[in-house]
């Protein structure tokens, strides 16, 4: 077996995941390497790249809704929570992040060099800072917002 540059890079990421004891990164790298080594990457990788974020968002949404379906959270808990100023901060934060992340999806689809930087940033955050790999989506939304703000200031100055 020839060690290609992408495989070497993935093995380095695996080593980083092992050193950092980051289970999500280890599982992700091993899953992708197995798909590649099984020879099914030509079909699997485009699907994962195209639908992976949506599948991940759906899984996260299901996990968030579990307390509602089990009865742990209901209307009573919601109305009690909304009496707290922290709950209002959380509510507004959730709205803000969801809206900017929606713009991030478009940015990830249309700007490859931004995508590359966001992916590397996410890998570093997951490996070194025990981050969670939702970073590209939220990061893209924040990048989109920052770029729009920069455009406003640039247009004001010149």
Protein backbone atom coordinates (compact mmCIF):
# COMPACT_ATOMS: atom_id res chain seq x y z
CA UNK A 1 0.00 0.00 0.00
CA UNK A 2 1.34 3.38 -1.01
CA UNK A 3 1.10 6.12 1.58
CA UNK A 4 -0.52 9.05 -0.21
CA UNK A 5 -0.42 12.62 1.07
CA UNK A 6 -4.12 12.56 2.08
CA UNK A 7 -3.63 9.27 3.96
CA UNK A 8 -0.55 10.62 5.71
CA UNK A 9 -2.49 13.73 6.70
CA UNK A 10 -5.32 11.58 8.06
CA UNK A 11 -2.84 9.47 10.05
CA UNK A 12 -1.38 12.65 11.53
CA UNK A 13 -4.91 13.72 12.48
CA UNK A 14 -5.46 10.29 14.03
CA UNK A 15 -2.28 10.72 16.08
CA UNK A 16 -3.42 14.18 17.18
CA UNK A 17 -6.79 12.73 18.17
CA UNK A 18 -5.12 9.96 20.16
CA UNK A 19 -2.76 12.36 21.94
CA UNK A 20 -5.61 14.77 22.67
CA UNK A 21 -7.87 11.83 23.66
CA UNK A 22 -10.58 13.24 21.40
CA UNK A 23 -12.98 10.40 20.68
CA UNK A 24 -14.96 12.26 18.00
CA UNK A 25 -11.85 13.02 15.95
CA UNK A 26 -10.55 9.45 16.32
CA UNK A 27 -13.86 7.94 15.18
CA UNK A 28 -14.18 10.40 12.28
CA UNK A 29 -10.66 9.75 10.99
CA UNK A 30 -10.91 5.97 11.37
CA UNK A 31 -14.31 5.90 9.66
CA UNK A 32 -13.02 7.85 6.68
CA UNK A 33 -9.86 5.76 6.42
CA UNK A 34 -11.87 2.53 6.51
CA UNK A 35 -14.18 3.83 3.78
CA UNK A 36 -11.12 4.76 1.71
CA UNK A 37 -9.34 1.44 2.31
CA UNK A 38 -12.49 -0.54 1.47
CA UNK A 39 -12.52 1.19 -1.91
CA UNK A 40 -15.98 2.68 -1.53
CA UNK A 41 -14.83 6.27 -1.12
CA UNK A 42 -15.75 7.23 -4.70
CA UNK A 43 -19.41 6.73 -3.82
CA UNK A 44 -19.41 7.41 -0.08
CA UNK A 45 -17.29 10.58 0.11
CA UNK A 46 -19.43 12.71 -2.23
CA UNK A 47 -22.56 11.65 -0.33
CA UNK A 48 -20.97 12.38 3.06
CA UNK A 49 -19.63 15.72 1.84
CA UNK A 50 -22.96 16.71 0.31
CA UNK A 51 -25.36 15.44 2.99
CA UNK A 52 -23.16 15.08 6.09
CA UNK A 53 -23.85 18.47 7.63
CA UNK A 54 -27.61 18.07 7.17
CA UNK A 55 -27.51 14.56 8.63
CA UNK A 56 -25.46 15.83 11.57
CA UNK A 57 -27.83 18.75 12.18
CA UNK A 58 -30.75 16.32 12.09
CA UNK A 59 -29.09 14.02 14.63
CA UNK A 60 -28.34 16.98 16.93
CA UNK A 61 -31.95 18.17 16.58
CA UNK A 62 -33.24 14.71 17.49
CA UNK A 63 -30.98 14.66 20.57
CA UNK A 64 -32.20 18.10 21.64
CA UNK A 65 -35.86 17.04 21.26
CA UNK A 66 -35.52 13.85 23.35
CA UNK A 67 -36.34 15.60 26.67
CA UNK A 68 -39.58 16.87 25.13
CA UNK A 69 -40.72 13.48 23.87
CA UNK A 70 -39.82 11.81 27.19
CA UNK A 71 -41.76 14.42 29.12
CA UNK A 72 -38.74 15.86 30.96
CA UNK A 73 -39.45 19.23 29.35
CA UNK A 74 -42.97 20.50 28.77
CA UNK A 75 -44.93 23.73 28.70
CA UNK A 76 -44.59 24.12 32.47
CA UNK A 77 -40.79 23.99 32.32
CA UNK A 78 -40.76 26.33 29.34
CA UNK A 79 -42.89 28.97 31.03
CA UNK A 80 -40.83 28.68 34.23
CA UNK A 81 -37.60 29.02 32.28
CA UNK A 82 -38.79 32.12 30.48
CA UNK A 83 -39.11 33.88 33.83
CA UNK A 84 -35.31 33.82 34.03
CA UNK A 85 -33.18 36.49 32.38
CA UNK A 86 -30.60 33.79 31.59
CA UNK A 87 -33.26 31.85 29.68
CA UNK A 88 -33.96 34.93 27.56
CA UNK A 89 -30.23 35.29 26.86
CA UNK A 90 -30.16 31.61 25.85
CA UNK A 91 -33.25 32.04 23.67
CA UNK A 92 -31.79 35.06 21.85
CA UNK A 93 -28.41 33.33 21.52
CA UNK A 94 -30.07 30.30 19.96
CA UNK A 95 -31.89 32.49 17.46
CA UNK A 96 -28.73 34.46 16.64
CA UNK A 97 -26.55 31.39 16.12
CA UNK A 98 -29.17 29.61 14.00
CA UNK A 99 -29.61 32.62 11.74
CA UNK A 100 -25.89 33.24 11.20
CA UNK A 101 -25.24 29.51 10.74
CA UNK A 102 -27.81 29.46 7.92
CA UNK A 103 -25.68 32.02 6.10
CA UNK A 104 -22.64 29.91 6.90
CA UNK A 105 -24.03 26.97 4.93
CA UNK A 106 -24.13 29.13 1.79
CA UNK A 107 -20.61 30.39 2.45
CA UNK A 108 -19.27 26.84 2.84
CA UNK A 109 -20.85 25.87 -0.49
CA UNK A 110 -19.58 28.87 -2.46
CA UNK A 111 -16.13 29.75 -1.08
CA UNK A 112 -13.64 26.85 -1.06
CA UNK A 113 -10.71 28.69 0.57
CA UNK A 114 -12.95 29.80 3.47
CA UNK A 115 -14.12 26.20 3.83
CA UNK A 116 -10.52 24.98 4.02
CA UNK A 117 -9.62 27.50 6.72
CA UNK A 118 -12.76 26.68 8.72
CA UNK A 119 -12.11 22.94 8.49
CA UNK A 120 -8.53 23.38 9.71
CA UNK A 121 -9.74 25.64 12.51
CA UNK A 122 -12.29 23.04 13.53
CA UNK A 123 -9.70 20.25 13.46
CA UNK A 124 -7.40 22.30 15.68
CA UNK A 125 -10.21 23.15 18.08
CA UNK A 126 -11.37 19.52 18.29
CA UNK A 127 -7.87 18.13 18.67
CA UNK A 128 -6.26 20.70 20.93
CA UNK A 129 -9.04 22.43 22.84
CA UNK A 130 -11.58 19.60 23.24
CA UNK A 131 -13.92 21.43 20.90
CA UNK A 132 -16.94 19.97 19.14
CA UNK A 133 -17.00 19.62 15.37
CA UNK A 134 -19.97 21.90 14.81
CA UNK A 135 -17.35 24.58 14.25
CA UNK A 136 -17.41 24.76 10.45
CA UNK A 137 -21.09 25.60 10.32
CA UNK A 138 -21.12 28.12 13.15
CA UNK A 139 -17.68 29.37 12.15
CA UNK A 140 -18.89 29.95 8.61
CA UNK A 141 -21.85 31.89 9.95
CA UNK A 142 -19.59 34.05 12.10
CA UNK A 143 -17.21 34.50 9.16
CA UNK A 144 -20.15 35.53 6.96
CA UNK A 145 -21.27 38.06 9.56
CA UNK A 146 -17.74 39.42 10.02
CA UNK A 147 -17.28 39.78 6.25
CA UNK A 148 -20.56 41.67 5.93
CA UNK A 149 -19.57 44.01 8.78
CA UNK A 150 -16.17 44.55 7.15
CA UNK A 151 -17.92 45.38 3.85
CA UNK A 152 -20.06 47.97 5.61
CA UNK A 153 -17.03 49.66 7.16
CA UNK A 154 -15.11 49.47 3.89
CA UNK A 155 -17.95 51.08 1.96
CA UNK A 156 -18.21 53.83 4.59
CA UNK A 157 -14.51 54.64 4.31
CA UNK A 158 -14.18 54.82 0.59
